[in-house]
């Protein structure tokens, strides 16, 4: 079986206000998708994001690539804001 060097998928924000059908190289890292999406969609830089493949129910790690084991043509990836805990402010 011949494996394509690219994958076509749906990328969307968790609130579904932004959505795009994209074709990306399989060697692209998840962290690069997050960085490009934040810039293209003008998402806040005060928030960290993660990506989940909702077609498989799997959270994708930033260092992972769009390998055939992680993503298939037609899958939907969701850019989700990551919760932050606590603050760096000193208590009074």
PDB file of N, CA and C in Angstrom:
ATOM      1  N   UNK A   1       0.841  -1.183   0.000  1.00  0.00           N
ATOM      2  CA  UNK A   1       0.000   0.000   0.000  1.00  0.00           C
ATOM      3  C   UNK A   1       0.889   1.250   0.000  1.00  0.00           C
ATOM      4  N   UNK A   2       0.616   2.154  -0.898  1.00  0.00           N
ATOM      5  CA  UNK A   2       1.371   3.392  -1.001  1.00  0.00           C
ATOM      6  C   UNK A   2       0.802   4.423  -0.041  1.00  0.00           C
ATOM      7  N   UNK A   3       1.662   5.007   0.792  1.00  0.00           N
ATOM      8  CA  UNK A   3       1.237   6.015   1.759  1.00  0.00           C
ATOM      9  C   UNK A   3       1.495   7.395   1.171  1.00  0.00           C
ATOM     10  N   UNK A   4       0.459   8.239   1.167  1.00  0.00           N
ATOM     11  CA  UNK A   4       0.617   9.606   0.681  1.00  0.00           C
ATOM     12  C   UNK A   4       1.472  10.407   1.654  1.00  0.00           C
ATOM     13  N   UNK A   5       2.144  11.411   1.118  1.00  0.00           N
ATOM     14  CA  UNK A   5       2.979  12.281   1.948  1.00  0.00           C
ATOM     15  C   UNK A   5       2.183  13.408   2.588  1.00  0.00           C
ATOM     16  N   UNK A   6       0.874  13.456   2.314  1.00  0.00           N
ATOM     17  CA  UNK A   6       0.026  14.498   2.886  1.00  0.00           C
ATOM     18  C   UNK A   6      -1.288  13.880   3.348  1.00  0.00           C
ATOM     19  N   UNK A   7      -2.004  14.651   4.145  1.00  0.00           N
ATOM     20  CA  UNK A   7      -3.300  14.211   4.660  1.00  0.00           C
ATOM     21  C   UNK A   7      -4.267  15.395   4.577  1.00  0.00           C
ATOM     22  N   UNK A   8      -5.497  15.114   4.172  1.00  0.00           N
ATOM     23  CA  UNK A   8      -6.533  16.145   4.096  1.00  0.00           C
ATOM     24  C   UNK A   8      -7.500  15.925   5.248  1.00  0.00           C
ATOM     25  N   UNK A   9      -7.711  16.980   6.031  1.00  0.00           N
ATOM     26  CA  UNK A   9      -8.537  16.858   7.230  1.00  0.00           C
ATOM     27  C   UNK A   9      -9.269  18.161   7.509  1.00  0.00           C
ATOM     28  N   UNK A  10     -10.139  18.119   8.510  1.00  0.00           N
ATOM     29  CA  UNK A  10     -10.849  19.301   8.984  1.00  0.00           C
ATOM     30  C   UNK A  10     -10.159  19.759  10.259  1.00  0.00           C
ATOM     31  N   UNK A  11      -9.859  21.045  10.316  1.00  0.00           N
ATOM     32  CA  UNK A  11      -9.276  21.652  11.512  1.00  0.00           C
ATOM     33  C   UNK A  11     -10.253  22.704  11.995  1.00  0.00           C
ATOM     34  N   UNK A  12     -10.614  22.652  13.271  1.00  0.00           N
ATOM     35  CA  UNK A  12     -11.578  23.618  13.797  1.00  0.00           C
ATOM     36  C   UNK A  12     -11.260  23.959  15.244  1.00  0.00           C
ATOM     37  N   UNK A  13     -11.779  25.112  15.676  1.00  0.00           N
ATOM     38  CA  UNK A  13     -11.650  25.489  17.081  1.00  0.00           C
ATOM     39  C   UNK A  13     -12.718  24.749  17.876  1.00  0.00           C
ATOM     40  N   UNK A  14     -12.508  24.643  19.170  1.00  0.00           N
ATOM     41  CA  UNK A  14     -13.437  23.907  20.031  1.00  0.00           C
ATOM     42  C   UNK A  14     -14.841  24.508  20.006  1.00  0.00           C
ATOM     43  N   UNK A  15     -14.928  25.845  19.871  1.00  0.00           N
ATOM     44  CA  UNK A  15     -16.246  26.477  19.836  1.00  0.00           C
ATOM     45  C   UNK A  15     -16.847  26.499  18.425  1.00  0.00           C
ATOM     46  N   UNK A  16     -16.138  25.929  17.469  1.00  0.00           N
ATOM     47  CA  UNK A  16     -16.572  25.782  16.069  1.00  0.00           C
ATOM     48  C   UNK A  16     -16.783  27.109  15.340  1.00  0.00           C
ATOM     49  N   UNK A  17     -16.215  28.196  15.856  1.00  0.00           N
ATOM     50  CA  UNK A  17     -16.344  29.481  15.170  1.00  0.00           C
ATOM     51  C   UNK A  17     -15.373  29.584  14.000  1.00  0.00           C
ATOM     52  N   UNK A  18     -14.343  28.752  14.011  1.00  0.00           N
ATOM     53  CA  UNK A  18     -13.376  28.728  12.914  1.00  0.00           C
ATOM     54  C   UNK A  18     -13.190  27.283  12.477  1.00  0.00           C
ATOM     55  N   UNK A  19     -13.214  27.101  11.153  1.00  0.00           N
ATOM     56  CA  UNK A  19     -13.141  25.744  10.619  1.00  0.00           C
ATOM     57  C   UNK A  19     -12.536  25.812   9.223  1.00  0.00           C
ATOM     58  N   UNK A  20     -11.656  24.860   8.907  1.00  0.00           N
ATOM     59  CA  UNK A  20     -11.033  24.838   7.594  1.00  0.00           C
ATOM     60  C   UNK A  20     -10.733  23.398   7.180  1.00  0.00           C
ATOM     61  N   UNK A  21     -10.901  23.151   5.899  1.00  0.00           N
ATOM     62  CA  UNK A  21     -10.456  21.877   5.319  1.00  0.00           C
ATOM     63  C   UNK A  21      -9.053  22.143   4.790  1.00  0.00           C
ATOM     64  N   UNK A  22      -8.076  21.391   5.282  1.00  0.00           N
ATOM     65  CA  UNK A  22      -6.682  21.639   4.938  1.00  0.00           C
ATOM     66  C   UNK A  22      -5.994  20.347   4.498  1.00  0.00           C
ATOM     67  N   UNK A  23      -4.993  20.511   3.652  1.00  0.00           N
ATOM     68  CA  UNK A  23      -4.118  19.406   3.277  1.00  0.00           C
ATOM     69  C   UNK A  23      -2.735  19.756   3.800  1.00  0.00           C
ATOM     70  N   UNK A  24      -2.216  18.898   4.662  1.00  0.00           N
ATOM     71  CA  UNK A  24      -0.954  19.154   5.355  1.00  0.00           C
ATOM     72  C   UNK A  24       0.012  18.006   5.131  1.00  0.00           C
ATOM     73  N   UNK A  25       1.319  18.298   5.180  1.00  0.00           N
ATOM     74  CA  UNK A  25       2.303  17.219   5.048  1.00  0.00           C
ATOM     75  C   UNK A  25       2.290  16.310   6.277  1.00  0.00           C
ATOM     76  N   UNK A  26       2.450  15.031   6.062  1.00  0.00           N
ATOM     77  CA  UNK A  26       2.452  14.071   7.171  1.00  0.00           C
ATOM     78  C   UNK A  26       3.598  14.319   8.144  1.00  0.00           C
ATOM     79  N   UNK A  27       4.653  14.980   7.695  1.00  0.00           N
ATOM     80  CA  UNK A  27       5.799  15.250   8.572  1.00  0.00           C
ATOM     81  C   UNK A  27       5.583  16.478   9.447  1.00  0.00           C
ATOM     82  N   UNK A  28       4.438  17.145   9.321  1.00  0.00           N
ATOM     83  CA  UNK A  28       4.172  18.345  10.118  1.00  0.00           C
ATOM     84  C   UNK A  28       3.872  17.950  11.559  1.00  0.00           C
ATOM     85  N   UNK A  29       4.501  18.676  12.501  1.00  0.00           N
ATOM     86  CA  UNK A  29       4.263  18.404  13.920  1.00  0.00           C
ATOM     87  C   UNK A  29       2.998  19.121  14.397  1.00  0.00           C
ATOM     88  N   UNK A  30       2.367  18.541  15.396  1.00  0.00           N
ATOM     89  CA  UNK A  30       1.170  19.111  15.998  1.00  0.00           C
ATOM     90  C   UNK A  30       1.451  20.520  16.522  1.00  0.00           C
ATOM     91  N   UNK A  31       2.627  20.732  17.114  1.00  0.00           N
ATOM     92  CA  UNK A  31       2.966  22.062  17.634  1.00  0.00           C
ATOM     93  C   UNK A  31       2.993  23.109  16.522  1.00  0.00           C
ATOM     94  N   UNK A  32       3.394  22.717  15.311  1.00  0.00           N
ATOM     95  CA  UNK A  32       3.399  23.648  14.176  1.00  0.00           C
ATOM     96  C   UNK A  32       1.979  23.982  13.721  1.00  0.00           C
ATOM     97  N   UNK A  33       1.084  23.025  13.821  1.00  0.00           N
ATOM     98  CA  UNK A  33      -0.323  23.273  13.478  1.00  0.00           C
ATOM     99  C   UNK A  33      -0.920  24.268  14.453  1.00  0.00           C
ATOM    100  N   UNK A  34      -0.623  24.098  15.739  1.00  0.00           N
ATOM    101  CA  UNK A  34      -1.123  25.025  16.758  1.00  0.00           C
ATOM    102  C   UNK A  34      -0.601  26.432  16.475  1.00  0.00           C
ATOM    103  N   UNK A  35       0.701  26.546  16.229  1.00  0.00           N
ATOM    104  CA  UNK A  35       1.309  27.855  15.990  1.00  0.00           C
ATOM    105  C   UNK A  35       0.713  28.534  14.745  1.00  0.00           C
ATOM    106  N   UNK A  36       0.569  27.791  13.667  1.00  0.00           N
ATOM    107  CA  UNK A  36       0.011  28.344  12.434  1.00  0.00           C
ATOM    108  C   UNK A  36      -1.449  28.730  12.613  1.00  0.00           C
ATOM    109  N   UNK A  37      -2.212  27.903  13.303  1.00  0.00           N
ATOM    110  CA  UNK A  37      -3.638  28.188  13.529  1.00  0.00           C
ATOM    111  C   UNK A  37      -3.823  29.437  14.373  1.00  0.00           C
ATOM    112  N   UNK A  38      -3.015  29.577  15.412  1.00  0.00           N
ATOM    113  CA  UNK A  38      -3.112  30.763  16.277  1.00  0.00           C
ATOM    114  C   UNK A  38      -2.875  32.030  15.470  1.00  0.00           C
ATOM    115  N   UNK A  39      -1.888  31.989  14.605  1.00  0.00           N
ATOM    116  CA  UNK A  39      -1.549  33.160  13.792  1.00  0.00           C
ATOM    117  C   UNK A  39      -2.635  33.433  12.746  1.00  0.00           C
ATOM    118  N   UNK A  40      -3.011  32.402  12.007  1.00  0.00           N
ATOM    119  CA  UNK A  40      -3.988  32.561  10.930  1.00  0.00           C
ATOM    120  C   UNK A  40      -5.354  32.992  11.444  1.00  0.00           C
ATOM    121  N   UNK A  41      -5.760  32.455  12.595  1.00  0.00           N
ATOM    122  CA  UNK A  41      -7.084  32.751  13.132  1.00  0.00           C
ATOM    123  C   UNK A  41      -7.041  33.833  14.204  1.00  0.00           C
ATOM    124  N   UNK A  42      -5.908  34.459  14.401  1.00  0.00           N
ATOM    125  CA  UNK A  42      -5.738  35.540  15.391  1.00  0.00           C
ATOM    126  C   UNK A  42      -6.242  35.134  16.776  1.00  0.00           C
ATOM    127  N   UNK A  43      -5.813  33.963  17.215  1.00  0.00           N
ATOM    128  CA  UNK A  43      -6.207  33.481  18.544  1.00  0.00           C
ATOM    129  C   UNK A  43      -5.283  34.086  19.590  1.00  0.00           C
ATOM    130  N   UNK A  44      -5.797  34.287  20.773  1.00  0.00           N
ATOM    131  CA  UNK A  44      -5.037  34.914  21.849  1.00  0.00           C
ATOM    132  C   UNK A  44      -3.769  34.163  22.191  1.00  0.00           C
ATOM    133  N   UNK A  45      -2.711  34.917  22.480  1.00  0.00           N
ATOM    134  CA  UNK A  45      -1.447  34.297  22.850  1.00  0.00           C
ATOM    135  C   UNK A  45      -1.315  34.133  24.355  1.00  0.00           C
ATOM    136  N   UNK A  46      -2.320  34.547  25.128  1.00  0.00           N
ATOM    137  CA  UNK A  46      -2.307  34.345  26.567  1.00  0.00           C
ATOM    138  C   UNK A  46      -2.866  32.991  26.954  1.00  0.00           C
ATOM    139  N   UNK A  47      -3.226  32.185  25.957  1.00  0.00           N
ATOM    140  CA  UNK A  47      -3.844  30.879  26.184  1.00  0.00           C
ATOM    141  C   UNK A  47      -3.014  29.820  25.478  1.00  0.00           C
ATOM    142  N   UNK A  48      -2.806  28.686  26.119  1.00  0.00           N
ATOM    143  CA  UNK A  48      -2.147  27.546  25.468  1.00  0.00           C
ATOM    144  C   UNK A  48      -3.212  26.673  24.825  1.00  0.00           C
ATOM    145  N   UNK A  49      -2.844  26.027  23.728  1.00  0.00           N
ATOM    146  CA  UNK A  49      -3.792  25.180  23.003  1.00  0.00           C
ATOM    147  C   UNK A  49      -3.227  23.781  22.822  1.00  0.00           C
ATOM    148  N   UNK A  50      -4.138  22.834  22.698  1.00  0.00           N
ATOM    149  CA  UNK A  50      -3.796  21.453  22.392  1.00  0.00           C
ATOM    150  C   UNK A  50      -4.712  20.992  21.267  1.00  0.00           C
ATOM    151  N   UNK A  51      -4.364  19.882  20.628  1.00  0.00           N
ATOM    152  CA  UNK A  51      -5.172  19.368  19.522  1.00  0.00           C
ATOM    153  C   UNK A  51      -5.622  17.956  19.849  1.00  0.00           C
ATOM    154  N   UNK A  52      -6.905  17.726  19.609  1.00  0.00           N
ATOM    155  CA  UNK A  52      -7.478  16.393  19.772  1.00  0.00           C
ATOM    156  C   UNK A  52      -8.038  15.937  18.432  1.00  0.00           C
ATOM    157  N   UNK A  53      -7.876  14.664  18.147  1.00  0.00           N
ATOM    158  CA  UNK A  53      -8.489  14.063  16.960  1.00  0.00           C
ATOM    159  C   UNK A  53      -9.843  13.524  17.407  1.00  0.00           C
ATOM    160  N   UNK A  54     -10.916  14.240  17.094  1.00  0.00           N
ATOM    161  CA  UNK A  54     -12.224  13.804  17.577  1.00  0.00           C
ATOM    162  C   UNK A  54     -12.744  12.602  16.803  1.00  0.00           C
ATOM    163  N   UNK A  55     -12.132  12.298  15.673  1.00  0.00           N
ATOM    164  CA  UNK A  55     -12.518  11.102  14.925  1.00  0.00           C
ATOM    165  C   UNK A  55     -12.086   9.836  15.657  1.00  0.00           C
ATOM    166  N   UNK A  56     -10.988   9.943  16.430  1.00  0.00           N
ATOM    167  CA  UNK A  56     -10.493   8.782  17.176  1.00  0.00           C
ATOM    168  C   UNK A  56     -10.632   8.955  18.684  1.00  0.00           C
ATOM    169  N   UNK A  57     -10.917  10.189  19.128  1.00  0.00           N
ATOM    170  CA  UNK A  57     -11.015  10.470  20.561  1.00  0.00           C
ATOM    171  C   UNK A  57      -9.652  10.570  21.230  1.00  0.00           C
ATOM    172  N   UNK A  58      -8.615  10.798  20.457  1.00  0.00           N
ATOM    173  CA  UNK A  58      -7.248  10.799  20.980  1.00  0.00           C
ATOM    174  C   UNK A  58      -6.656  12.202  21.030  1.00  0.00           C
ATOM    175  N   UNK A  59      -6.027  12.520  22.163  1.00  0.00           N
ATOM    176  CA  UNK A  59      -5.281  13.761  22.319  1.00  0.00           C
ATOM    177  C   UNK A  59      -3.946  13.594  21.609  1.00  0.00           C
ATOM    178  N   UNK A  60      -3.549  14.569  20.792  1.00  0.00           N
ATOM    179  CA  UNK A  60      -2.276  14.494  20.081  1.00  0.00           C
ATOM    180  C   UNK A  60      -1.236  15.347  20.802  1.00  0.00           C
ATOM    181  N   UNK A  61      -0.062  14.791  21.003  1.00  0.00           N
ATOM    182  CA  UNK A  61       1.013  15.489  21.711  1.00  0.00           C
ATOM    183  C   UNK A  61       1.729  16.449  20.761  1.00  0.00           C
ATOM    184  N   UNK A  62       2.223  17.582  21.281  1.00  0.00           N
ATOM    185  CA  UNK A  62       2.851  18.605  20.444  1.00  0.00           C
ATOM    186  C   UNK A  62       3.984  18.088  19.553  1.00  0.00           C
ATOM    187  N   UNK A  63       4.747  17.113  20.023  1.00  0.00           N
ATOM    188  CA  UNK A  63       5.886  16.628  19.246  1.00  0.00           C
ATOM    189  C   UNK A  63       5.505  15.568  18.210  1.00  0.00           C
ATOM    190  N   UNK A  64       4.265  15.084  18.247  1.00  0.00           N
ATOM    191  CA  UNK A  64       3.823  14.076  17.284  1.00  0.00           C
ATOM    192  C   UNK A  64       3.640  14.700  15.900  1.00  0.00           C
ATOM    193  N   UNK A  65       3.731  13.839  14.891  1.00  0.00           N
ATOM    194  CA  UNK A  65       3.500  14.267  13.512  1.00  0.00           C
ATOM    195  C   UNK A  65       2.162  13.717  13.042  1.00  0.00           C
ATOM    196  N   UNK A  66       1.752  14.155  11.870  1.00  0.00           N
ATOM    197  CA  UNK A  66       0.494  13.700  11.285  1.00  0.00           C
ATOM    198  C   UNK A  66       0.675  12.349  10.603  1.00  0.00           C
ATOM    199  N   UNK A  67       1.283  11.418  11.315  1.00  0.00           N
ATOM    200  CA  UNK A  67       1.548  10.091  10.755  1.00  0.00           C
ATOM    201  C   UNK A  67       0.247   9.323  10.563  1.00  0.00           C
ATOM    202  N   UNK A  68       0.320   8.288   9.754  1.00  0.00           N
ATOM    203  CA  UNK A  68      -0.866   7.480   9.458  1.00  0.00           C
ATOM    204  C   UNK A  68      -1.431   6.836  10.727  1.00  0.00           C
ATOM    205  N   UNK A  69      -0.592   6.641  11.739  1.00  0.00           N
ATOM    206  CA  UNK A  69      -1.066   6.073  13.002  1.00  0.00           C
ATOM    207  C   UNK A  69      -1.884   7.086  13.799  1.00  0.00           C
ATOM    208  N   UNK A  70      -1.639   8.387  13.560  1.00  0.00           N
ATOM    209  CA  UNK A  70      -2.291   9.442  14.338  1.00  0.00           C
ATOM    210  C   UNK A  70      -3.497  10.063  13.637  1.00  0.00           C
ATOM    211  N   UNK A  71      -3.427  10.182  12.297  1.00  0.00           N
ATOM    212  CA  UNK A  71      -4.445  10.930  11.553  1.00  0.00           C
ATOM    213  C   UNK A  71      -4.698  10.269  10.200  1.00  0.00           C
ATOM    214  N   UNK A  72      -5.973  10.178   9.834  1.00  0.00           N
ATOM    215  CA  UNK A  72      -6.373   9.637   8.537  1.00  0.00           C
ATOM    216  C   UNK A  72      -7.054  10.735   7.717  1.00  0.00           C
ATOM    217  N   UNK A  73      -7.079  10.583   6.396  1.00  0.00           N
ATOM    218  CA  UNK A  73      -7.827  11.516   5.553  1.00  0.00           C
ATOM    219  C   UNK A  73      -9.268  11.604   6.059  1.00  0.00           C
ATOM    220  N   UNK A  74      -9.775  12.829   6.165  1.00  0.00           N
ATOM    221  CA  UNK A  74     -11.156  13.048   6.587  1.00  0.00           C
ATOM    222  C   UNK A  74     -11.349  13.210   8.082  1.00  0.00           C
ATOM    223  N   UNK A  75     -10.303  12.965   8.881  1.00  0.00           N
ATOM    224  CA  UNK A  75     -10.418  13.139  10.333  1.00  0.00           C
ATOM    225  C   UNK A  75     -10.662  14.612  10.668  1.00  0.00           C
ATOM    226  N   UNK A  76     -11.218  14.851  11.844  1.00  0.00           N
ATOM    227  CA  UNK A  76     -11.431  16.210  12.338  1.00  0.00           C
ATOM    228  C   UNK A  76     -10.536  16.437  13.551  1.00  0.00           C
ATOM    229  N   UNK A  77      -9.690  17.467  13.449  1.00  0.00           N
ATOM    230  CA  UNK A  77      -8.828  17.860  14.560  1.00  0.00           C
ATOM    231  C   UNK A  77      -9.392  19.126  15.178  1.00  0.00           C
ATOM    232  N   UNK A  78      -9.447  19.151  16.509  1.00  0.00           N
ATOM    233  CA  UNK A  78     -10.009  20.291  17.226  1.00  0.00           C
ATOM    234  C   UNK A  78      -8.916  20.966  18.044  1.00  0.00           C
ATOM    235  N   UNK A  79      -8.797  22.275  17.842  1.00  0.00           N
ATOM    236  CA  UNK A  79      -7.868  23.106  18.590  1.00  0.00           C
ATOM    237  C   UNK A  79      -8.579  23.531  19.868  1.00  0.00           C
ATOM    238  N   UNK A  80      -8.100  23.022  21.014  1.00  0.00           N
ATOM    239  CA  UNK A  80      -8.759  23.255  22.293  1.00  0.00           C
ATOM    240  C   UNK A  80      -7.896  24.107  23.213  1.00  0.00           C
ATOM    241  N   UNK A  81      -8.506  25.114  23.873  1.00  0.00           N
ATOM    242  CA  UNK A  81      -7.733  25.863  24.873  1.00  0.00           C
ATOM    243  C   UNK A  81      -7.431  24.945  26.050  1.00  0.00           C
ATOM    244  N   UNK A  82      -6.214  25.031  26.557  1.00  0.00           N
ATOM    245  CA  UNK A  82      -5.814  24.214  27.706  1.00  0.00           C
ATOM    246  C   UNK A  82      -6.104  24.973  28.987  1.00  0.00           C
ATOM    247  N   UNK A  83      -6.683  24.318  29.959  1.00  0.00           N
ATOM    248  CA  UNK A  83      -6.934  24.985  31.237  1.00  0.00           C
ATOM    249  C   UNK A  83      -5.620  25.304  31.932  1.00  0.00           C
ATOM    250  N   UNK A  84      -5.589  26.436  32.605  1.00  0.00           N
ATOM    251  CA  UNK A  84      -4.425  26.807  33.409  1.00  0.00           C
ATOM    252  C   UNK A  84      -4.863  26.818  34.863  1.00  0.00           C
ATOM    253  N   UNK A  85      -3.964  26.471  35.731  1.00  0.00           N
ATOM    254  CA  UNK A  85      -4.285  26.369  37.160  1.00  0.00           C
ATOM    255  C   UNK A  85      -3.450  27.351  37.956  1.00  0.00           C
ATOM    256  N   UNK A  86      -4.116  28.086  38.834  1.00  0.00           N
ATOM    257  CA  UNK A  86      -3.401  29.001  39.728  1.00  0.00           C
ATOM    258  C   UNK A  86      -2.928  30.258  39.034  1.00  0.00           C
ATOM    259  N   UNK A  87      -2.324  31.130  39.821  1.00  0.00           N
ATOM    260  CA  UNK A  87      -1.761  32.363  39.304  1.00  0.00           C
ATOM    261  C   UNK A  87      -0.388  32.557  39.901  1.00  0.00           C
ATOM    262  N   UNK A  88       0.344  33.482  39.356  1.00  0.00           N
ATOM    263  CA  UNK A  88       1.667  33.778  39.878  1.00  0.00           C
ATOM    264  C   UNK A  88       1.645  34.991  40.803  1.00  0.00           C
ATOM    265  N   UNK A  89       0.445  35.470  41.138  1.00  0.00           N
ATOM    266  CA  UNK A  89       0.324  36.636  41.992  1.00  0.00           C
ATOM    267  C   UNK A  89       0.539  36.248  43.447  1.00  0.00           C
ATOM    268  N   UNK A  90       1.315  37.049  44.184  1.00  0.00           N
ATOM    269  CA  UNK A  90       1.516  36.742  45.606  1.00  0.00           C
ATOM    270  C   UNK A  90       0.239  36.994  46.398  1.00  0.00           C
ATOM    271  N   UNK A  91       0.038  36.207  47.425  1.00  0.00           N
ATOM    272  CA  UNK A  91      -1.154  36.411  48.251  1.00  0.00           C
ATOM    273  C   UNK A  91      -0.907  37.558  49.218  1.00  0.00           C
ATOM    274  N   UNK A  92      -1.993  38.244  49.588  1.00  0.00           N
ATOM    275  CA  UNK A  92      -1.885  39.416  50.485  1.00  0.00           C
ATOM    276  C   UNK A  92      -1.945  39.004  51.922  1.00  0.00           C
TER     277      UNK A  92
END
